[in-house]
Amino acid sequence: MNYFLLIVSGVVMGLIAAVPIGPVNLICIRRSFTFGPVNGFVSGLGAALGDGVFAAITFFGLTWIAQLIQSYNSLIEIVGGALLVWFGAHTVLSPMTGKVEDGDKNDTGASNLVRAMVSTFVLTITNPATLIAFASMFASFHGLVGGANSYVDAGFVVAGVVGGSAGWWLCLTTVIGIFHTRITDGAVRAINRGSGVLVAVFGLAVLVHVIMRAFGHSG
């Protein structure tokens, strides 16, 4: 198997998973403008690791984990949706004086960066739709390059997924970093609250979808 092709395929899948605008993108953009590009990138890295988990489940053939996730799909979606609503509401309601300059110890310290990474990791792995997306990409991957025929092959693909996703977050936060020092505190507050509202709306949409699906099954 051509390992370079495996990695490139993984990178493409990582980009496909990361680029579409969703709650995690909004969170990383908000954090990049508010706390600086380092915080935004580390937050994106948490999402990239979450994508890597789903890619590993798919490409290492861990069907029992996939089946476990699918069996608790509604519960996981409820938890994920509730987390998004809480996060969005917390963002909107929390008092904020403006952006935090790069180097501020309260927002670029190791403990804060770890929390930033963990929060987006949890939000990513509580979205079962990502697993379905990787399952679909897995089918296409087999058709394009013949599939990963060993755990080593699968490892290269998963590494590519994480690398592709992380590369997107690096590019995004680097671009934002160019404007970070120029944007006004008022604009940062508007971005902060606007992204919070949108994240909460994403969460409510997930919860409504679960409720509608439950009533549809019961009917």
Protein backbone atom coordinates (compact mmCIF):
# COMPACT_ATOMS: atom_id res chain seq x y z
CA MET A 1 0.00 0.00 0.00
CA ASN A 2 1.24 3.49 -0.85
CA TYR A 3 1.58 5.15 2.57
CA PHE A 4 1.75 8.63 1.05
CA LEU A 5 -1.61 8.04 -0.63
CA LEU A 6 -3.04 6.78 2.67
CA ILE A 7 -1.91 9.91 4.49
CA VAL A 8 -3.20 12.22 1.75
CA SER A 9 -6.55 10.43 1.81
CA GLY A 10 -6.69 10.88 5.58
CA VAL A 11 -5.82 14.58 5.27
CA VAL A 12 -8.64 15.08 2.76
CA MET A 13 -11.11 13.34 5.08
CA GLY A 14 -9.90 15.41 8.03
CA LEU A 15 -10.51 18.59 6.03
CA ILE A 16 -13.97 17.39 4.98
CA ALA A 17 -14.81 16.80 8.65
CA ALA A 18 -13.37 20.09 9.94
CA VAL A 19 -14.12 22.76 7.33
CA PRO A 20 -17.97 22.92 7.34
CA ILE A 21 -19.20 25.70 9.62
CA GLY A 22 -20.68 24.26 12.81
CA PRO A 23 -20.63 24.93 16.55
CA VAL A 24 -16.98 23.92 17.00
CA ASN A 25 -15.89 26.25 14.18
CA LEU A 26 -17.83 29.08 15.81
CA ILE A 27 -16.28 28.32 19.20
CA CYS A 28 -12.75 28.29 17.79
CA ILE A 29 -13.33 31.51 15.85
CA ARG A 30 -14.72 33.21 18.96
CA ARG A 31 -11.84 32.06 21.12
CA SER A 32 -9.30 33.13 18.50
CA PHE A 33 -10.69 36.66 18.40
CA THR A 34 -11.23 36.86 22.15
CA PHE A 35 -8.23 35.06 23.64
CA GLY A 36 -5.84 34.96 20.71
CA PRO A 37 -4.94 32.45 17.99
CA VAL A 38 -3.09 30.07 20.36
CA ASN A 39 -6.24 29.44 22.38
CA GLY A 40 -8.26 29.08 19.16
CA PHE A 41 -5.81 26.61 17.65
CA VAL A 42 -5.65 24.47 20.80
CA SER A 43 -9.45 24.43 20.85
CA GLY A 44 -9.41 23.25 17.24
CA LEU A 45 -6.83 20.63 18.15
CA GLY A 46 -9.34 19.14 20.60
CA ALA A 47 -11.81 18.81 17.73
CA ALA A 48 -9.10 17.25 15.54
CA LEU A 49 -8.43 14.63 18.22
CA GLY A 50 -12.16 13.93 18.40
CA ASP A 51 -12.21 13.42 14.63
CA GLY A 52 -9.24 11.08 15.10
CA VAL A 53 -11.21 8.99 17.60
CA PHE A 54 -14.08 8.49 15.15
CA ALA A 55 -11.64 7.80 12.32
CA ALA A 56 -9.89 5.18 14.47
CA ILE A 57 -13.21 3.50 15.32
CA THR A 58 -14.04 3.37 11.61
CA PHE A 59 -10.70 2.41 10.09
CA PHE A 60 -9.52 0.01 12.80
CA GLY A 61 -12.80 -1.87 12.44
CA LEU A 62 -13.94 -1.36 16.04
CA THR A 63 -17.50 -2.28 15.19
CA TRP A 64 -18.49 -3.02 18.79
CA ILE A 65 -17.71 0.59 19.76
CA ALA A 66 -19.60 1.88 16.72
CA GLN A 67 -22.58 -0.30 17.65
CA LEU A 68 -22.40 0.91 21.26
CA ILE A 69 -22.43 4.53 20.11
CA GLN A 70 -25.35 3.86 17.78
CA SER A 71 -27.32 2.09 20.52
CA TYR A 72 -27.00 5.16 22.76
CA ASN A 73 -27.29 7.59 19.87
CA SER A 74 -30.23 9.57 21.29
CA LEU A 75 -28.69 9.86 24.75
CA ILE A 76 -25.38 11.03 23.31
CA GLU A 77 -27.17 13.57 21.12
CA ILE A 78 -29.10 14.88 24.14
CA VAL A 79 -25.88 15.29 26.11
CA GLY A 80 -24.17 16.98 23.16
CA GLY A 81 -27.14 19.26 22.47
CA ALA A 82 -27.44 20.23 26.14
CA LEU A 83 -23.70 21.02 26.26
CA LEU A 84 -24.05 23.28 23.21
CA VAL A 85 -27.02 25.10 24.73
CA TRP A 86 -25.16 25.54 28.02
CA PHE A 87 -21.99 26.69 26.31
CA GLY A 88 -23.85 29.14 24.08
CA ALA A 89 -25.91 30.57 26.94
CA HIS A 90 -22.83 30.85 29.14
CA THR A 91 -21.01 32.71 26.36
CA VAL A 92 -23.88 35.18 25.87
CA LEU A 93 -24.57 35.81 29.56
CA SER A 94 -21.01 35.96 30.89
CA PRO A 95 -19.72 39.50 31.41
CA MET A 96 -16.93 40.39 29.03
CA THR A 97 -14.86 43.55 28.87
CA GLY A 98 -13.17 42.83 25.54
CA LYS A 99 -10.39 40.78 24.05
CA VAL A 100 -7.54 39.35 26.08
CA GLU A 101 -4.18 40.25 24.66
CA ASP A 102 -1.71 37.54 23.62
CA GLY A 103 0.44 36.45 26.52
CA ASP A 104 -2.19 37.00 29.21
CA LYS A 105 -1.50 34.25 31.72
CA ASN A 106 -5.16 33.76 32.58
CA ASP A 107 -6.06 32.68 29.04
CA THR A 108 -2.92 31.23 27.50
CA GLY A 109 -1.71 29.31 30.53
CA ALA A 110 -1.36 25.54 30.33
CA SER A 111 -4.40 24.75 32.48
CA ASN A 112 -6.64 27.06 30.46
CA LEU A 113 -5.42 25.63 27.16
CA VAL A 114 -6.06 22.09 28.40
CA ARG A 115 -9.63 23.07 29.33
CA ALA A 116 -10.07 24.66 25.91
CA MET A 117 -8.92 21.46 24.20
CA VAL A 118 -10.99 19.15 26.40
CA SER A 119 -14.18 21.18 25.85
CA THR A 120 -14.05 20.94 22.04
CA PHE A 121 -12.97 17.30 22.22
CA VAL A 122 -16.07 16.48 24.29
CA LEU A 123 -18.33 18.46 21.94
CA THR A 124 -16.90 16.57 18.96
CA ILE A 125 -17.23 13.05 20.37
CA THR A 126 -20.80 13.73 21.55
CA ASN A 127 -21.84 14.18 17.91
CA PRO A 128 -22.61 10.67 16.57
CA ALA A 129 -23.19 12.16 13.11
CA THR A 130 -19.42 12.45 12.79
CA LEU A 131 -19.12 8.67 13.07
CA ILE A 132 -21.67 8.26 10.28
CA ALA A 133 -19.74 10.76 8.17
CA PHE A 134 -16.52 8.80 8.59
CA ALA A 135 -18.33 5.57 7.77
CA SER A 136 -19.47 7.16 4.50
CA MET A 137 -15.99 8.43 3.76
CA PHE A 138 -14.61 4.99 4.57
CA ALA A 139 -16.76 3.50 1.80
CA SER A 140 -15.49 6.11 -0.66
CA PHE A 141 -11.92 5.58 0.54
CA HIS A 142 -12.13 1.88 -0.27
CA GLY A 143 -13.31 2.69 -3.76
CA LEU A 144 -10.52 5.23 -4.37
CA VAL A 145 -7.41 3.57 -2.96
CA GLY A 146 -8.41 0.00 -2.24
CA GLY A 147 -8.82 0.39 1.51
CA ALA A 148 -6.58 0.04 4.53
CA ASN A 149 -5.56 -3.61 4.65
CA SER A 150 -3.75 -3.64 7.99
CA TYR A 151 -3.60 -1.80 11.30
CA VAL A 152 -0.48 -0.02 10.05
CA ASP A 153 -2.36 1.21 6.97
CA ALA A 154 -5.26 2.33 9.16
CA GLY A 155 -2.82 4.14 11.46
CA PHE A 156 -1.51 6.20 8.55
CA VAL A 157 -5.07 7.12 7.55
CA VAL A 158 -6.02 8.14 11.10
CA ALA A 159 -2.82 10.20 11.42
CA GLY A 160 -3.73 11.91 8.15
CA VAL A 161 -7.24 12.69 9.45
CA VAL A 162 -5.87 14.31 12.61
CA GLY A 163 -3.23 16.16 10.59
CA GLY A 164 -5.73 17.43 8.02
CA SER A 165 -8.15 18.61 10.67
CA ALA A 166 -5.38 20.23 12.73
CA GLY A 167 -4.03 21.89 9.57
CA TRP A 168 -7.40 23.52 8.98
CA TRP A 169 -7.49 24.91 12.50
CA LEU A 170 -3.93 26.18 12.17
CA CYS A 171 -4.75 28.01 8.92
CA LEU A 172 -8.01 29.42 10.28
CA THR A 173 -6.57 30.69 13.56
CA THR A 174 -3.46 32.07 11.83
CA VAL A 175 -5.63 34.17 9.52
CA ILE A 176 -7.70 35.35 12.48
CA GLY A 177 -4.49 36.12 14.35
CA ILE A 178 -3.57 38.63 11.65
CA PHE A 179 -6.70 40.64 12.50
CA HIS A 180 -6.75 39.84 16.22
CA THR A 181 -4.68 42.84 17.25
CA ARG A 182 -6.58 45.22 14.97
CA ILE A 183 -10.15 44.37 15.90
CA THR A 184 -11.89 46.58 18.47
CA ASP A 185 -13.22 45.40 21.83
CA GLY A 186 -16.75 46.22 20.70
CA ALA A 187 -16.40 43.98 17.66
CA VAL A 188 -15.01 41.18 19.83
CA ARG A 189 -18.00 41.46 22.16
CA ALA A 190 -20.34 41.28 19.16
CA ILE A 191 -18.53 38.20 17.80
CA ASN A 192 -18.58 36.64 21.26
CA ARG A 193 -22.30 37.04 21.80
CA GLY A 194 -23.25 36.32 18.20
CA SER A 195 -21.33 33.05 18.19
CA GLY A 196 -22.84 32.16 21.57
CA VAL A 197 -26.36 32.60 20.19
CA LEU A 198 -25.57 30.48 17.13
CA VAL A 199 -23.98 27.70 19.21
CA ALA A 200 -27.06 27.64 21.48
CA VAL A 201 -29.30 27.48 18.39
CA PHE A 202 -27.29 24.49 17.12
CA GLY A 203 -27.83 22.80 20.49
CA LEU A 204 -31.56 23.51 20.50
CA ALA A 205 -31.83 22.14 16.96
CA VAL A 206 -30.19 18.90 18.10
CA LEU A 207 -32.55 18.57 21.07
CA VAL A 208 -35.63 19.32 18.95
CA HIS A 209 -34.47 16.75 16.39
CA VAL A 210 -34.14 14.09 19.10
CA ILE A 211 -37.60 14.90 20.51
CA MET A 212 -39.24 14.87 17.07
CA ARG A 213 -37.57 11.56 16.26
CA ALA A 214 -38.76 10.06 19.55
CA PHE A 215 -42.35 11.14 18.91
CA GLY A 216 -42.11 9.84 15.35
CA HIS A 217 -41.01 6.40 16.58
CA SER A 218 -43.66 6.34 19.29
CA GLY A 219 -46.34 7.31 16.78
